[in-house]
């Protein structure tokens, strides 16, 4: 599903950006053609005027005739934009009176101005043609029209320049379009990342919830069905209702833990980070667990530094992480055992240690104990009401503050859980 959505995003991104690219390339090419043609025409016009100025006009036999001084030098040395194709002089009646190169029509048929046409390079080889830019200029003397001057120059340089531009666009536009497609695919992946993460969280939450809720729901259903039967013993009916209530409480705890894991997946936002004194947080916790220890016949000790240990964190979340570690220590330490809560600083870290001399964790299980729903002793976890989420929640909280949580354990000797949190700078 997400690959399909990513392809759609990349497809539409490439189409939209490609359309803009083709539009800009087309407009840019047209503007380039106009600009180069304008520069070319300006040069042709200025050189045509200079060439025409080398010619003197005099009135002879009632018509204007072209008297060319130094004709041979004009014919051999004149060049316009890479070489003169032809030059023609017409009188006021548009009749041809003089020319260099091809003579063309005897009567001037074109209007003054610029024209692009294809003409033969040599009258002896009419099949050899080239594109030329022709300009026709009226010749005035004292504001009186005395004739026309027409010349043409080859457009080879302009056409070569435009051919290079077209080649660049022909190669560059598809390559750029391909880069746009790759970029769209990459950006589509980035855009889909939050959705993919949210989808995976939802999928994982659904799988975890369905897996763990199936058994308690079955328990509630069976107890409720028995309780609805005509009671033979009121105490048995009361026991069924108590089982339903305890199972419902267990389900509520499970749902709250799953919601916590789903909501706080990833780094914690800066909006909930506040300066907190870790000593004060752990002291309040130690008082609560010190009161619980005698009921379980456990020895509980806590040691904290005298000076404050300041962090940028959320007090409730940190408290929850340590509570989960202490709860596990109390569950899996036999009567007469010892549990310790230690806090100290090490370099730029605040270090929290929860030690116990309980049953310990086998080496094969150590890499997995922070996984969700992982239980070292499934039977005992069920009896103590554990779902295998406490350590996963503690790890997620610690990692959310860019901290680390580690464990060392030996079977039959106990475990040491350690949390490293960066101190406030």
Protein backbone atom coordinates (compact mmCIF):
# COMPACT_ATOMS: atom_id res chain seq x y z
CA UNK A 1 0.00 0.00 0.00
CA UNK A 2 2.72 2.44 0.96
CA UNK A 3 4.85 1.57 -2.07
CA UNK A 4 1.81 2.26 -4.24
CA UNK A 5 1.25 5.62 -2.51
CA UNK A 6 4.94 6.44 -2.85
CA UNK A 7 4.82 5.67 -6.58
CA UNK A 8 1.76 7.90 -6.96
CA UNK A 9 3.47 10.76 -5.14
CA UNK A 10 6.61 10.37 -7.25
CA UNK A 11 4.50 10.10 -10.42
CA UNK A 12 2.52 13.28 -9.81
CA UNK A 13 5.58 15.17 -8.58
CA UNK A 14 7.49 14.20 -11.73
CA UNK A 15 4.54 15.13 -13.97
CA UNK A 16 3.99 18.52 -12.35
CA UNK A 17 7.66 19.47 -12.14
CA UNK A 18 8.31 17.97 -15.59
CA UNK A 19 5.49 20.04 -17.06
CA UNK A 20 6.97 23.17 -15.51
CA UNK A 21 10.42 22.15 -16.80
CA UNK A 22 9.17 21.63 -20.38
CA UNK A 23 7.25 24.92 -20.27
CA UNK A 24 10.30 26.86 -19.06
CA UNK A 25 12.54 25.09 -21.59
CA UNK A 26 10.17 25.98 -24.43
CA UNK A 27 9.79 29.59 -23.34
CA UNK A 28 13.54 29.88 -22.74
CA UNK A 29 14.31 28.50 -26.19
CA UNK A 30 11.87 30.90 -27.89
CA UNK A 31 13.32 33.87 -26.01
CA UNK A 32 16.84 32.72 -26.89
CA UNK A 33 15.91 32.49 -30.59
CA UNK A 34 14.38 35.96 -30.55
CA UNK A 35 17.37 37.46 -28.76
CA UNK A 36 19.97 35.83 -31.00
CA UNK A 37 18.00 36.79 -34.11
CA UNK A 38 17.76 40.37 -32.88
CA UNK A 39 21.53 40.55 -32.31
CA UNK A 40 22.12 38.94 -35.69
CA UNK A 41 19.80 41.43 -37.42
CA UNK A 42 21.44 44.39 -35.69
CA UNK A 43 24.81 43.28 -36.92
CA UNK A 44 23.53 42.68 -40.45
CA UNK A 45 21.80 46.06 -40.49
CA UNK A 46 24.83 47.99 -39.27
CA UNK A 47 27.19 46.26 -41.69
CA UNK A 48 24.70 46.65 -44.55
CA UNK A 49 24.57 50.38 -43.94
CA UNK A 50 28.35 50.52 -43.87
CA UNK A 51 28.56 48.56 -47.10
CA UNK A 52 25.95 50.73 -48.81
CA UNK A 53 27.79 53.87 -47.68
CA UNK A 54 30.80 52.83 -49.79
CA UNK A 55 28.67 53.42 -52.87
CA UNK A 56 27.98 56.86 -54.42
CA UNK A 57 24.79 57.56 -56.35
CA UNK A 58 24.59 60.05 -59.26
CA UNK A 59 21.82 60.98 -61.62
CA UNK A 60 22.50 59.65 -65.11
CA UNK A 61 20.12 59.56 -68.06
CA UNK A 62 17.11 60.43 -65.88
CA UNK A 63 17.64 57.55 -63.44
CA UNK A 64 19.75 56.84 -60.40
CA UNK A 65 22.82 54.79 -61.20
CA UNK A 66 25.21 53.12 -58.84
CA UNK A 67 28.81 54.30 -59.27
CA UNK A 68 31.05 51.95 -57.24
CA UNK A 69 34.49 53.16 -56.41
CA UNK A 70 37.09 50.53 -55.88
CA UNK A 71 34.70 47.85 -57.11
CA UNK A 72 37.25 45.06 -57.04
CA UNK A 73 38.05 45.68 -53.37
CA UNK A 74 34.34 45.57 -52.54
CA UNK A 75 33.83 42.34 -54.42
CA UNK A 76 36.88 40.64 -52.94
CA UNK A 77 37.02 42.07 -49.43
CA UNK A 78 33.48 42.73 -48.32
CA UNK A 79 32.12 40.31 -45.77
CA UNK A 80 29.02 40.36 -43.62
CA UNK A 81 28.71 37.93 -40.74
CA UNK A 82 31.02 35.32 -42.17
CA UNK A 83 30.71 36.16 -45.91
CA UNK A 84 28.55 38.15 -48.31
CA UNK A 85 26.14 36.09 -50.39
CA UNK A 86 24.98 38.91 -52.62
CA UNK A 87 24.40 42.66 -52.73
CA UNK A 88 21.94 44.36 -55.09
CA UNK A 89 21.08 47.95 -55.96
CA UNK A 90 17.67 48.96 -57.26
CA UNK A 91 16.46 52.32 -58.48
CA UNK A 92 13.37 54.07 -57.21
CA UNK A 93 11.25 52.06 -59.65
CA UNK A 94 12.53 48.84 -58.02
CA UNK A 95 14.50 47.87 -61.09
CA UNK A 96 17.83 46.10 -60.65
CA UNK A 97 20.75 48.33 -61.67
CA UNK A 98 23.77 46.66 -60.07
CA UNK A 99 24.62 43.52 -58.09
CA UNK A 100 27.41 41.47 -56.54
CA UNK A 101 26.98 37.70 -56.42
CA UNK A 102 23.69 36.35 -57.78
CA UNK A 103 21.52 38.81 -59.65
CA UNK A 104 18.17 37.52 -58.48
CA UNK A 105 14.97 39.07 -59.82
CA UNK A 106 15.19 42.03 -62.16
CA UNK A 107 12.34 43.65 -60.31
CA UNK A 108 12.34 44.12 -56.55
CA UNK A 109 9.40 42.10 -55.23
CA UNK A 110 10.04 42.13 -51.48
CA UNK A 111 9.15 44.86 -49.04
CA UNK A 112 11.89 46.68 -47.11
CA UNK A 113 12.93 44.85 -43.97
CA UNK A 114 14.33 41.49 -42.92
CA UNK A 115 13.43 38.15 -44.49
CA UNK A 116 14.70 34.61 -44.04
CA UNK A 117 14.90 32.52 -47.19
CA UNK A 118 16.76 29.68 -48.83
CA UNK A 119 18.92 30.55 -51.82
CA UNK A 120 21.57 28.96 -54.05
CA UNK A 121 25.18 29.65 -53.14
CA UNK A 122 26.24 29.68 -56.78
CA UNK A 123 24.25 30.08 -59.96
CA UNK A 124 26.34 27.27 -61.52
CA UNK A 125 25.17 24.86 -58.77
CA UNK A 126 21.51 25.68 -58.08
CA UNK A 127 21.04 22.57 -55.93
CA UNK A 128 23.54 23.79 -53.34
CA UNK A 129 21.39 26.05 -51.20
CA UNK A 130 21.75 27.72 -47.83
CA UNK A 131 19.61 29.70 -45.46
CA UNK A 132 20.29 33.42 -45.55
CA UNK A 133 19.05 36.50 -43.76
CA UNK A 134 18.10 39.11 -46.34
CA UNK A 135 17.67 42.79 -45.56
CA UNK A 136 16.24 45.39 -47.95
CA UNK A 137 16.92 49.05 -47.15
CA UNK A 138 15.49 52.14 -48.84
CA UNK A 139 18.16 54.68 -49.91
CA UNK A 140 17.22 58.31 -49.28
CA UNK A 141 18.85 61.56 -50.31
CA UNK A 142 17.46 64.75 -48.80
CA UNK A 143 14.40 62.75 -47.75
CA UNK A 144 13.89 61.66 -51.35
CA UNK A 145 13.81 57.98 -52.23
CA UNK A 146 16.53 57.29 -54.79
CA UNK A 147 16.61 53.49 -54.70
CA UNK A 148 16.94 50.35 -52.64
CA UNK A 149 19.86 48.37 -51.37
CA UNK A 150 19.49 44.64 -50.70
CA UNK A 151 22.00 42.24 -49.24
CA UNK A 152 22.02 38.79 -47.67
CA UNK A 153 24.34 36.98 -45.33
CA UNK A 154 24.44 33.26 -44.44
CA UNK A 155 22.84 32.20 -41.19
CA UNK A 156 25.31 29.41 -40.49
CA UNK A 157 26.60 30.86 -37.21
CA UNK A 158 23.08 31.53 -35.94
CA UNK A 159 21.83 28.11 -36.97
CA UNK A 160 24.85 26.41 -35.35
CA UNK A 161 24.17 28.28 -32.13
CA UNK A 162 20.50 27.31 -32.19
CA UNK A 163 21.41 23.70 -33.03
CA UNK A 164 23.64 23.60 -29.96
CA UNK A 165 20.82 25.01 -27.85
CA UNK A 166 18.40 22.39 -29.19
CA UNK A 167 20.95 19.63 -28.57
CA UNK A 168 21.41 20.84 -25.02
CA UNK A 169 17.65 20.89 -24.43
CA UNK A 170 17.19 17.52 -26.15
CA UNK A 171 19.73 15.91 -23.84
CA UNK A 172 19.33 18.08 -20.76
CA UNK A 173 15.55 18.07 -20.42
CA UNK A 174 15.15 14.25 -20.34
CA UNK A 175 18.09 13.92 -17.93
CA UNK A 176 16.60 16.61 -15.70
CA UNK A 177 13.22 14.91 -15.92
CA UNK A 178 14.86 11.67 -14.79
CA UNK A 179 16.50 13.49 -11.88
CA UNK A 180 13.10 14.95 -11.00
CA UNK A 181 11.61 11.45 -11.02
CA UNK A 182 14.35 10.11 -8.72
CA UNK A 183 13.97 13.14 -6.46
CA UNK A 184 10.20 12.61 -6.40
CA UNK A 185 10.70 8.99 -5.39
CA UNK A 186 13.10 10.04 -2.61
CA UNK A 187 10.84 12.87 -1.39
CA UNK A 188 7.84 10.53 -1.59
CA UNK A 189 9.66 8.16 0.73
CA UNK A 190 10.39 11.01 3.15
CA UNK A 191 6.79 12.22 2.99
CA UNK A 192 5.46 8.71 3.60
CA UNK A 193 7.79 8.04 6.51
CA UNK A 194 5.53 9.52 9.23
CA UNK A 195 2.51 7.73 7.77
CA UNK A 196 4.43 4.48 7.54
CA UNK A 197 5.62 4.86 11.11
CA UNK A 198 2.08 5.62 12.29
CA UNK A 199 0.75 2.66 10.33
CA UNK A 200 3.36 0.32 11.82
CA UNK A 201 2.58 1.63 15.30
CA UNK A 202 -1.12 1.00 14.73
CA UNK A 203 -0.42 -2.42 13.24
CA UNK A 204 1.84 -3.34 16.13
CA UNK A 205 -0.62 -1.97 18.66
CA UNK A 206 -3.45 -3.98 17.09
CA UNK A 207 -1.38 -7.16 17.01
CA UNK A 208 -0.18 -6.72 20.59
CA UNK A 209 -3.61 -5.83 21.89
CA UNK A 210 -5.37 -8.69 20.12
CA UNK A 211 -2.70 -11.15 21.28
CA UNK A 212 -2.84 -10.15 24.94
CA UNK A 213 -6.54 -9.33 25.25
CA UNK A 214 -7.72 -12.63 23.83
CA UNK A 215 -7.05 -14.61 27.04
CA UNK A 216 -8.55 -12.10 29.54
CA UNK A 217 -11.62 -11.60 27.36
CA UNK A 218 -12.13 -15.35 27.30
CA UNK A 219 -11.75 -15.40 31.09
CA UNK A 220 -14.31 -12.64 31.52
CA UNK A 221 -16.73 -14.36 29.15
CA UNK A 222 -16.49 -17.78 30.83
CA UNK A 223 -16.86 -16.33 34.33
CA UNK A 224 -19.80 -14.20 33.25
CA UNK A 225 -21.54 -17.18 31.64
CA UNK A 226 -21.14 -19.24 34.80
CA UNK A 227 -22.30 -16.35 36.97
CA UNK A 228 -25.47 -15.98 34.89
CA UNK A 229 -26.51 -19.56 35.67
CA UNK A 230 -28.86 -20.18 38.64
CA UNK A 231 -26.50 -20.00 41.61
CA UNK A 232 -26.04 -23.16 43.63
CA UNK A 233 -23.55 -21.43 45.90
CA UNK A 234 -23.50 -17.66 46.45
CA UNK A 235 -19.83 -17.75 47.43
CA UNK A 236 -18.95 -19.36 44.09
CA UNK A 237 -20.92 -16.67 42.24
CA UNK A 238 -19.07 -13.99 44.22
CA UNK A 239 -15.77 -15.62 43.29
CA UNK A 240 -16.73 -15.48 39.61
CA UNK A 241 -17.52 -11.79 39.87
CA UNK A 242 -14.23 -11.14 41.64
CA UNK A 243 -12.41 -12.92 38.83
CA UNK A 244 -14.19 -10.71 36.31
CA UNK A 245 -13.23 -7.57 38.26
CA UNK A 246 -9.57 -8.63 38.58
CA UNK A 247 -9.39 -9.54 34.90
CA UNK A 248 -10.94 -6.20 33.94
CA UNK A 249 -8.33 -4.37 36.04
CA UNK A 250 -5.59 -6.39 34.37
CA UNK A 251 -7.01 -5.55 30.95
CA UNK A 252 -7.16 -1.85 31.88
CA UNK A 253 -3.48 -1.93 32.89
CA UNK A 254 -2.56 -3.68 29.66
CA UNK A 255 -4.48 -1.19 27.53
CA UNK A 256 -2.89 1.77 29.33
CA UNK A 257 0.58 0.28 28.76
CA UNK A 258 -0.12 -0.34 25.09
CA UNK A 259 -1.44 3.19 24.64
CA UNK A 260 1.66 4.55 26.34
CA UNK A 261 3.95 2.61 23.99
CA UNK A 262 1.94 3.77 20.98
CA UNK A 263 1.81 7.45 21.94
CA UNK A 264 5.41 7.85 23.07
CA UNK A 265 7.10 5.93 20.28
CA UNK A 266 10.29 7.73 19.24
CA UNK A 267 11.96 10.84 20.68
CA UNK A 268 10.02 12.82 23.26
CA UNK A 269 9.06 16.33 22.25
CA UNK A 270 10.82 19.30 23.79
CA UNK A 271 7.51 20.74 24.98
CA UNK A 272 7.35 18.32 27.93
CA UNK A 273 10.99 18.71 28.96
CA UNK A 274 11.51 20.71 32.15
CA UNK A 275 14.39 21.00 34.62
CA UNK A 276 13.85 18.34 37.31
CA UNK A 277 15.87 17.18 40.31
CA UNK A 278 16.36 13.44 39.96
CA UNK A 279 17.18 13.13 43.65
CA UNK A 280 13.75 14.43 44.66
CA UNK A 281 11.97 12.11 42.19
CA UNK A 282 13.78 9.00 43.43
CA UNK A 283 13.41 9.93 47.11
CA UNK A 284 9.63 10.01 46.80
CA UNK A 285 9.72 6.63 45.04
CA UNK A 286 12.02 5.11 47.64
CA UNK A 287 9.60 6.03 50.42
CA UNK A 288 6.74 4.20 48.68
CA UNK A 289 8.74 1.03 48.00
CA UNK A 290 10.30 1.13 51.48
CA UNK A 291 6.76 0.91 52.85
CA UNK A 292 5.96 -2.08 50.57
CA UNK A 293 9.15 -4.03 51.32
CA UNK A 294 8.17 -5.38 54.80
CA UNK A 295 4.93 -6.85 53.42
CA UNK A 296 7.03 -8.96 50.98
CA UNK A 297 9.74 -9.66 53.58
CA UNK A 298 12.34 -7.78 51.53
CA UNK A 299 15.18 -5.47 52.51
CA UNK A 300 15.09 -2.21 50.55
CA UNK A 301 17.90 0.36 50.60
CA UNK A 302 18.30 3.63 48.70
CA UNK A 303 21.37 5.87 48.39
CA UNK A 304 21.40 9.31 46.75
CA UNK A 305 23.95 12.13 46.47
CA UNK A 306 23.51 15.15 48.70
CA UNK A 307 23.61 17.69 45.89
CA UNK A 308 20.78 17.97 43.32
CA UNK A 309 21.08 16.03 40.05
CA UNK A 310 19.38 18.20 37.41
CA UNK A 311 17.96 16.88 34.13
CA UNK A 312 15.81 18.14 31.27
CA UNK A 313 12.97 15.64 31.47
CA UNK A 314 9.38 14.89 32.37
CA UNK A 315 9.21 13.84 36.03
CA UNK A 316 6.22 11.51 35.59
CA UNK A 317 7.82 9.58 32.73
CA UNK A 318 11.12 9.15 34.55
CA UNK A 319 9.23 8.04 37.63
CA UNK A 320 7.35 5.44 35.55
CA UNK A 321 10.60 4.00 34.15
CA UNK A 322 12.15 3.55 37.61
CA UNK A 323 8.86 2.19 39.04
CA UNK A 324 8.85 -0.51 36.36
CA UNK A 325 12.40 -1.58 37.26
CA UNK A 326 11.69 -1.61 41.01
CA UNK A 327 8.43 -3.49 40.48
CA UNK A 328 10.25 -6.21 38.55
CA UNK A 329 12.94 -6.38 41.23
CA UNK A 330 10.30 -6.83 43.96
CA UNK A 331 8.46 -9.50 41.91
CA UNK A 332 11.46 -11.68 41.20
CA UNK A 333 13.34 -11.40 44.50
CA UNK A 334 12.47 -14.15 46.98
CA UNK A 335 11.50 -13.39 50.56
CA UNK A 336 14.48 -12.31 52.64
CA UNK A 337 16.22 -10.87 49.57
CA UNK A 338 17.60 -7.37 49.08
CA UNK A 339 16.73 -4.62 46.60
CA UNK A 340 18.79 -1.42 46.21
CA UNK A 341 18.14 1.87 44.44
CA UNK A 342 21.28 3.92 43.74
CA UNK A 343 21.83 7.32 42.12
CA UNK A 344 25.18 8.91 41.28
CA UNK A 345 26.82 11.01 38.56
CA UNK A 346 29.50 9.84 36.18
CA UNK A 347 31.11 12.32 33.77
CA UNK A 348 28.16 14.01 31.99
CA UNK A 349 25.66 11.32 32.94
CA UNK A 350 23.25 10.68 35.76
CA UNK A 351 23.33 6.96 36.62
CA UNK A 352 20.43 5.09 38.24
CA UNK A 353 20.97 1.50 39.37
CA UNK A 354 18.38 -1.00 40.57
CA UNK A 355 20.08 -4.02 42.17
CA UNK A 356 18.54 -7.21 43.52
CA UNK A 357 19.72 -10.64 44.63
CA UNK A 358 16.75 -12.41 43.11
CA UNK A 359 16.39 -15.30 40.67
CA UNK A 360 18.39 -13.62 37.91
CA UNK A 361 17.98 -13.83 34.14
CA UNK A 362 19.50 -16.55 31.92
CA UNK A 363 22.13 -15.32 29.45
CA UNK A 364 20.05 -16.54 26.48
CA UNK A 365 17.16 -14.28 27.52
CA UNK A 366 19.16 -11.10 28.18
CA UNK A 367 19.10 -9.81 24.54
CA UNK A 368 15.29 -10.06 24.47
CA UNK A 369 14.09 -8.82 27.84
CA UNK A 370 13.33 -5.33 26.51
CA UNK A 371 11.14 -6.71 23.73
CA UNK A 372 7.42 -6.23 24.10
CA UNK A 373 5.56 -9.14 25.69
CA UNK A 374 8.77 -11.08 26.24
CA UNK A 375 8.72 -13.11 29.47
CA UNK A 376 11.59 -15.10 30.90
CA UNK A 377 9.26 -17.18 33.07
CA UNK A 378 5.82 -17.18 31.43
CA UNK A 379 4.04 -19.09 34.21
CA UNK A 380 5.38 -16.89 36.98
CA UNK A 381 4.70 -13.71 34.95
CA UNK A 382 1.05 -14.74 34.60
CA UNK A 383 0.83 -15.44 38.31
CA UNK A 384 2.28 -12.06 39.22
CA UNK A 385 0.12 -10.25 36.67
CA UNK A 386 2.94 -9.30 34.31
CA UNK A 387 2.48 -8.74 30.59
CA UNK A 388 6.10 -8.29 29.56
CA UNK A 389 5.66 -4.55 28.86
CA UNK A 390 7.34 -2.95 31.88
CA UNK A 391 10.91 -3.15 30.61
CA UNK A 392 9.84 -2.15 27.08
CA UNK A 393 8.18 0.96 28.51
CA UNK A 394 11.25 1.77 30.64
CA UNK A 395 13.54 1.42 27.61
CA UNK A 396 11.31 3.59 25.46
CA UNK A 397 11.24 6.36 28.08
CA UNK A 398 15.01 6.28 28.58
CA UNK A 399 15.76 6.27 24.85
CA UNK A 400 13.31 9.14 24.39
CA UNK A 401 15.68 11.25 26.53
CA UNK A 402 18.75 10.07 24.56
CA UNK A 403 19.71 7.82 27.45
CA UNK A 404 20.73 4.18 27.74
CA UNK A 405 19.40 1.27 29.76
CA UNK A 406 21.48 -1.87 30.30
CA UNK A 407 21.30 -5.01 32.40
CA UNK A 408 23.75 -7.45 33.99
CA UNK A 409 22.39 -10.61 35.49
CA UNK A 410 23.45 -14.01 36.76
CA UNK A 411 21.00 -16.83 37.38
CA UNK A 412 20.53 -17.39 41.12
CA UNK A 413 22.56 -14.30 42.07
CA UNK A 414 20.45 -11.37 40.95
CA UNK A 415 20.35 -8.53 38.41
CA UNK A 416 21.60 -4.98 38.03
CA UNK A 417 19.58 -2.62 35.78
CA UNK A 418 21.35 0.64 34.98
CA UNK A 419 19.94 3.81 33.40
CA UNK A 420 22.26 6.52 32.03
CA UNK A 421 20.67 9.92 31.41
CA UNK A 422 22.45 13.06 30.09
CA UNK A 423 22.80 15.78 32.70
CA UNK A 424 21.41 19.26 32.10
CA UNK A 425 24.04 21.44 30.41
